[in-house]
Amino acid sequence: MMKKIFFSFLIALFAVTGTRAQCGAYNDAIKPGEELSYELKFNWKFIWINAGWAKMTVDSVMYNGRSCLKTDLESYTNKRIDIFFRMRDTLTCITSTDLVPLYFRKGAAEGKRYSVDDVTFSYRNGKCIVDQSRSVNGKKREPDHQELSVCVYDMLSILLQARSYDASDYVPGDKILFSMATGKDVEKQTLIYRGKETCKVENGLKFRCLVFSLVEYVKGEEKEVITFYVTDDRNHLPVRLDMYLNFGSAKAFLSEIKGNKHPLDSQIE
C-alpha cells in the first residue's frame, strides 16, 4: 500500500517538465538550503488517517571535483501505519548546478523488503549513458547498461528540472513525456496538463495552482493515477497531491517550506 503511495507521490512531484534538446536546464527555482515537508494521508472506509511524512532538502556538494547540488528525500510511515506496512525510504541524487543528472541512489526498507537502486549517468558523443544496478535483501540483480539519444532522469533530478520550466505556453490537454531510470530499466512516463485552479491546503492557505495528471494506459484506455497541484509562481512547489489507488485514495499536503528561492506569489490572502 504505502510503496504505491510513495511512488505516486514522487511521480506527481514532477509536474511542469517538457522536452529539451540538452539534459541541463537554467535553474530558476531552487537554491541550496531549501527544505520542504509533506504530510501523507490515506483514506480507509471514508476515514482519513495520517500515514506518515516526507522531507526533501537541497545542499551544495563537491562531486568528481566540481561543485554540484545534492538532493535528499526521506519518507517514513508513522507508528499506526507501521503495524500494516513499515516504510523507511531515503533517496539521494547529485546533479550539476545546471541540473544535469549525475548520480542517484534509493535505499528502500518497505515491509520485509530492503532494496537499493544505484544509477550513474555519463555523457559522450551526444548520448546519455545510464548504468543501473539493483539489490534486494542483499542479492544483486543483473546490472543494466543503456546508451540513449534522449535525456534520462531519475526520480529526483526530473523534479529539479521540472520546477525550473516555464509552463505559460501550456494549454489544457497537452501531454508531456519523459524518460526515467528506475534502477533496472528506463521507462516512459506521461503527464497531462489540466489547467489552472485555486487549491486550498489543509492549513487553510490557498494557492493559485497549475493542475496536472499522471496517467496510465490500460488496453488503450486512459486511467488517471494522480491529480496534483503546483504553485503558479517561480517556485513551482507541489502543494497537494490526490492519488487514486485500487483499494482507496491518498493525499499529500505541503506542510512546511524553508529556504524557498522566490516569494510565494501564488498564495492568496
Protein backbone atom coordinates (compact mmCIF):
# COMPACT_ATOMS: atom_id res chain seq x y z
CA MET A 1 0.00 0.00 0.00
CA MET A 2 2.49 2.64 1.15
CA LYS A 3 5.02 1.68 -1.51
CA LYS A 4 2.42 2.53 -4.18
CA ILE A 5 1.55 5.79 -2.39
CA PHE A 6 5.19 6.86 -2.13
CA PHE A 7 5.98 6.08 -5.78
CA SER A 8 2.88 8.02 -6.84
CA PHE A 9 3.96 10.88 -4.59
CA LEU A 10 7.34 11.07 -6.33
CA ILE A 11 5.94 10.90 -9.84
CA ALA A 12 3.42 13.61 -9.05
CA LEU A 13 6.14 15.95 -7.95
CA PHE A 14 7.49 16.02 -11.49
CA ALA A 15 4.81 18.46 -12.67
CA VAL A 16 5.93 21.02 -15.28
CA THR A 17 8.52 19.08 -17.24
CA GLY A 18 8.96 19.36 -21.01
CA THR A 19 11.16 18.30 -23.90
CA ARG A 20 14.60 19.89 -24.20
CA ALA A 21 17.50 19.17 -26.55
CA GLN A 22 20.02 19.44 -23.69
CA CYS A 23 19.91 17.48 -20.46
CA GLY A 24 20.57 20.58 -18.35
CA ALA A 25 18.29 23.50 -17.55
CA TYR A 26 18.53 27.04 -16.23
CA ASN A 27 17.98 26.69 -12.50
CA ASP A 28 15.46 29.40 -11.72
CA ALA A 29 13.61 27.78 -8.81
CA ILE A 30 16.00 26.01 -6.43
CA LYS A 31 18.82 27.04 -4.14
CA PRO A 32 20.89 25.18 -1.52
CA GLY A 33 19.23 25.29 1.88
CA GLU A 34 15.70 24.63 0.63
CA GLU A 35 13.63 22.26 2.77
CA LEU A 36 10.11 21.01 2.00
CA SER A 37 8.00 18.89 4.35
CA TYR A 38 4.86 16.89 3.49
CA GLU A 39 2.15 15.07 5.41
CA LEU A 40 0.77 11.87 3.89
CA LYS A 41 -2.84 10.76 4.49
CA PHE A 42 -4.75 7.63 3.50
CA ASN A 43 -8.49 7.12 3.09
CA TRP A 44 -9.95 3.93 4.56
CA LYS A 45 -13.73 3.39 4.67
CA PHE A 46 -14.50 7.14 4.45
CA ILE A 47 -12.00 7.96 7.22
CA TRP A 48 -8.82 9.95 6.56
CA ILE A 49 -5.89 8.86 8.70
CA ASN A 50 -2.36 10.24 8.99
CA ALA A 51 0.01 7.89 7.18
CA GLY A 52 3.43 9.48 7.60
CA TRP A 53 5.64 12.27 6.32
CA ALA A 54 8.26 13.12 3.72
CA LYS A 55 11.01 15.73 3.72
CA MET A 56 13.20 16.98 0.86
CA THR A 57 16.39 19.02 1.29
CA VAL A 58 18.84 20.58 -1.19
CA ASP A 59 22.51 21.28 -0.37
CA SER A 60 25.81 22.06 -2.09
CA VAL A 61 28.36 19.26 -2.51
CA MET A 62 31.62 18.53 -4.32
CA TYR A 63 31.33 15.61 -6.77
CA ASN A 64 34.14 14.45 -9.07
CA GLY A 65 36.00 17.68 -8.37
CA ARG A 66 33.23 20.16 -9.14
CA SER A 67 30.51 21.98 -7.26
CA CYS A 68 27.12 20.26 -7.55
CA LEU A 69 23.69 20.06 -5.93
CA LYS A 70 22.78 17.17 -3.64
CA THR A 71 19.08 16.48 -3.05
CA ASP A 72 17.79 14.10 -0.38
CA LEU A 73 14.23 12.87 0.07
CA GLU A 74 13.27 10.88 3.17
CA SER A 75 9.88 9.24 3.66
CA TYR A 76 8.55 7.48 6.76
CA THR A 77 5.29 5.84 7.78
CA ASN A 78 4.10 6.57 11.31
CA LYS A 79 3.54 4.02 14.08
CA ARG A 80 -0.13 3.48 13.22
CA ILE A 81 0.67 2.56 9.62
CA ASP A 82 3.83 0.62 10.61
CA ILE A 83 1.55 -2.09 12.00
CA PHE A 84 0.32 -2.81 8.46
CA PHE A 85 3.24 -1.68 6.31
CA ARG A 86 6.51 -0.14 7.55
CA MET A 87 8.37 2.17 5.16
CA ARG A 88 11.70 3.94 5.61
CA ASP A 89 12.93 5.27 2.26
CA THR A 90 15.89 7.54 1.52
CA LEU A 91 16.61 8.88 -1.96
CA THR A 92 19.68 10.89 -2.97
CA CYS A 93 20.58 12.49 -6.28
CA ILE A 94 23.52 14.59 -7.39
CA THR A 95 23.20 16.99 -10.32
CA SER A 96 25.39 19.69 -11.81
CA THR A 97 24.47 23.25 -10.92
CA ASP A 98 22.54 23.41 -14.22
CA LEU A 99 20.60 20.27 -13.17
CA VAL A 100 22.24 17.61 -15.35
CA PRO A 101 21.75 14.23 -13.58
CA LEU A 102 25.00 12.58 -12.46
CA TYR A 103 24.15 10.07 -9.72
CA PHE A 104 21.10 8.59 -7.98
CA ARG A 105 20.60 6.17 -5.09
CA LYS A 106 17.43 4.84 -3.48
CA GLY A 107 17.52 2.79 -0.29
CA ALA A 108 14.05 1.46 0.48
CA ALA A 109 13.02 -0.51 3.56
CA GLU A 110 9.42 -1.45 2.77
CA GLY A 111 7.82 -4.18 4.85
CA LYS A 112 10.27 -7.11 4.92
CA ARG A 113 11.94 -6.00 1.69
CA TYR A 114 15.09 -3.85 1.58
CA SER A 115 16.25 -2.74 -1.85
CA VAL A 116 18.98 -0.47 -3.14
CA ASP A 117 18.91 1.14 -6.60
CA ASP A 118 22.13 2.72 -7.83
CA VAL A 119 22.30 4.77 -11.04
CA THR A 120 25.18 6.69 -12.65
CA PHE A 121 24.81 9.00 -15.65
CA SER A 122 27.53 9.96 -18.12
CA TYR A 123 27.53 11.73 -21.48
CA ARG A 124 29.51 11.01 -24.63
CA ASN A 125 29.04 11.60 -28.36
CA GLY A 126 25.56 13.05 -27.91
CA LYS A 127 24.41 10.02 -25.90
CA CYS A 128 23.08 9.75 -22.35
CA ILE A 129 24.77 6.69 -20.84
CA VAL A 130 22.88 5.09 -17.97
CA ASP A 131 24.36 2.37 -15.74
CA GLN A 132 21.95 0.87 -13.22
CA SER A 133 22.06 -1.82 -10.57
CA ARG A 134 19.59 -3.13 -8.01
CA SER A 135 19.92 -5.36 -4.97
CA VAL A 136 17.03 -6.85 -2.99
CA ASN A 137 17.60 -8.18 0.53
CA GLY A 138 21.32 -8.28 -0.20
CA LYS A 139 21.00 -10.19 -3.50
CA LYS A 140 22.32 -8.27 -6.52
CA ARG A 141 20.46 -8.42 -9.80
CA GLU A 142 21.95 -8.21 -13.28
CA PRO A 143 23.19 -4.63 -13.96
CA ASP A 144 21.68 -2.63 -16.82
CA HIS A 145 23.67 -0.51 -19.30
CA GLN A 146 21.96 1.68 -21.90
CA GLU A 147 23.18 4.39 -24.29
CA LEU A 148 20.30 6.57 -25.43
CA SER A 149 19.83 9.56 -27.71
CA VAL A 150 17.30 11.13 -25.31
CA CYS A 151 17.81 12.65 -21.87
CA VAL A 152 17.15 10.28 -19.00
CA TYR A 153 16.37 11.35 -15.43
CA ASP A 154 15.87 9.74 -12.06
CA MET A 155 13.03 10.33 -9.58
CA LEU A 156 14.65 13.42 -8.08
CA SER A 157 16.58 15.04 -10.94
CA ILE A 158 13.42 15.24 -13.08
CA LEU A 159 11.73 17.07 -10.23
CA LEU A 160 14.53 19.64 -10.05
CA GLN A 161 14.39 20.17 -13.82
CA ALA A 162 10.62 20.40 -13.91
CA ARG A 163 10.43 23.12 -11.31
CA SER A 164 12.54 25.45 -13.46
CA TYR A 165 10.50 25.13 -16.66
CA ASP A 166 8.06 27.75 -17.92
CA ALA A 167 4.54 26.34 -18.30
CA SER A 168 2.98 29.59 -19.57
CA ASP A 169 2.54 28.20 -23.10
CA TYR A 170 0.77 25.03 -22.00
CA VAL A 171 -2.89 24.53 -22.93
CA PRO A 172 -5.25 22.05 -21.24
CA GLY A 173 -4.81 18.60 -22.74
CA ASP A 174 -1.11 18.97 -23.55
CA LYS A 175 0.79 15.71 -22.97
CA ILE A 176 4.31 15.78 -21.54
CA LEU A 177 6.60 12.76 -21.94
CA PHE A 178 9.89 11.98 -20.23
CA SER A 179 12.24 9.01 -19.71
CA MET A 180 13.13 7.87 -16.20
CA ALA A 181 15.69 5.39 -14.84
CA THR A 182 14.03 3.07 -12.30
CA GLY A 183 17.07 1.13 -11.09
CA LYS A 184 16.53 -1.74 -13.50
CA ASP A 185 15.25 -0.13 -16.71
CA VAL A 186 14.38 3.16 -18.45
CA GLU A 187 10.63 3.81 -18.65
CA LYS A 188 8.39 6.37 -20.33
CA GLN A 189 6.04 8.49 -18.20
CA THR A 190 3.07 10.59 -19.36
CA LEU A 191 1.66 13.74 -17.76
CA ILE A 192 -1.36 15.73 -18.97
CA TYR A 193 -1.83 19.43 -18.22
CA ARG A 194 -5.38 20.06 -16.98
CA GLY A 195 -5.38 23.86 -16.49
CA LYS A 196 -5.39 26.23 -13.52
CA GLU A 197 -7.35 26.11 -10.25
CA THR A 198 -7.34 27.62 -6.79
CA CYS A 199 -6.21 24.99 -4.29
CA LYS A 200 -6.88 25.04 -0.56
CA VAL A 201 -4.45 23.02 1.53
CA GLU A 202 -5.01 21.54 4.97
CA ASN A 203 -3.64 24.52 6.95
CA GLY A 204 -6.24 26.77 5.33
CA LEU A 205 -3.90 28.52 2.91
CA LYS A 206 -4.98 28.98 -0.69
CA PHE A 207 -2.76 28.99 -3.78
CA ARG A 208 -3.20 29.60 -7.48
CA CYS A 209 -2.07 26.31 -8.99
CA LEU A 210 -1.28 24.51 -12.21
CA VAL A 211 -3.10 21.16 -12.32
CA PHE A 212 -1.57 18.03 -13.85
CA SER A 213 -2.49 14.35 -14.10
CA LEU A 214 -0.25 11.32 -14.23
CA VAL A 215 -1.97 8.70 -16.39
CA GLU A 216 -1.55 5.06 -17.29
CA TYR A 217 -2.83 3.36 -20.42
CA VAL A 218 -4.64 0.05 -19.87
CA LYS A 219 -5.72 -1.70 -23.09
CA GLY A 220 -5.55 1.65 -24.87
CA GLU A 221 -7.75 3.43 -22.33
CA GLU A 222 -6.52 6.33 -20.22
CA LYS A 223 -6.59 5.77 -16.45
CA GLU A 224 -5.87 8.66 -14.12
CA VAL A 225 -3.45 7.80 -11.33
CA ILE A 226 -2.90 11.19 -9.66
CA THR A 227 -4.20 14.75 -9.72
CA PHE A 228 -1.71 17.25 -8.38
CA TYR A 229 -1.45 20.97 -7.80
CA VAL A 230 1.72 23.02 -8.33
CA THR A 231 2.08 26.67 -7.32
CA ASP A 232 1.72 29.01 -10.28
CA ASP A 233 4.82 31.04 -9.43
CA ARG A 234 8.57 30.76 -10.00
CA ASN A 235 8.98 28.18 -7.21
CA HIS A 236 6.63 25.58 -8.77
CA LEU A 237 6.08 23.94 -5.40
CA PRO A 238 3.68 20.96 -5.31
CA VAL A 239 1.21 21.80 -2.52
CA ARG A 240 -1.35 18.99 -2.85
CA LEU A 241 -1.49 15.55 -4.47
CA ASP A 242 -4.63 13.39 -4.86
CA MET A 243 -3.72 9.75 -5.57
CA TYR A 244 -6.22 7.16 -6.81
CA LEU A 245 -5.36 3.60 -5.79
CA ASN A 246 -7.08 0.28 -6.47
CA PHE A 247 -8.14 -0.01 -2.82
CA GLY A 248 -8.71 3.60 -1.82
CA SER A 249 -7.17 7.02 -2.15
CA ALA A 250 -4.33 9.01 -0.61
CA LYS A 251 -3.34 12.65 -0.34
CA ALA A 252 -0.11 14.52 0.32
CA PHE A 253 -0.05 18.09 1.64
CA LEU A 254 2.86 20.51 1.78
CA SER A 255 3.13 21.35 5.47
CA GLU A 256 6.28 23.47 5.79
CA ILE A 257 8.57 25.46 3.49
CA LYS A 258 12.06 26.73 4.33
CA GLY A 259 14.63 28.39 2.11
CA ASN A 260 12.46 28.87 -0.99
CA LYS A 261 14.24 30.91 -3.64
CA HIS A 262 11.33 33.19 -4.63
CA PRO A 263 8.35 34.73 -2.80
CA LEU A 264 5.17 32.64 -2.85
CA ASP A 265 3.38 34.97 -5.24
CA SER A 266 0.71 32.33 -5.90
CA GLN A 267 -0.56 32.44 -2.32
CA ILE A 268 -3.99 34.01 -1.96
CA GLU A 269 -4.51 36.08 1.18
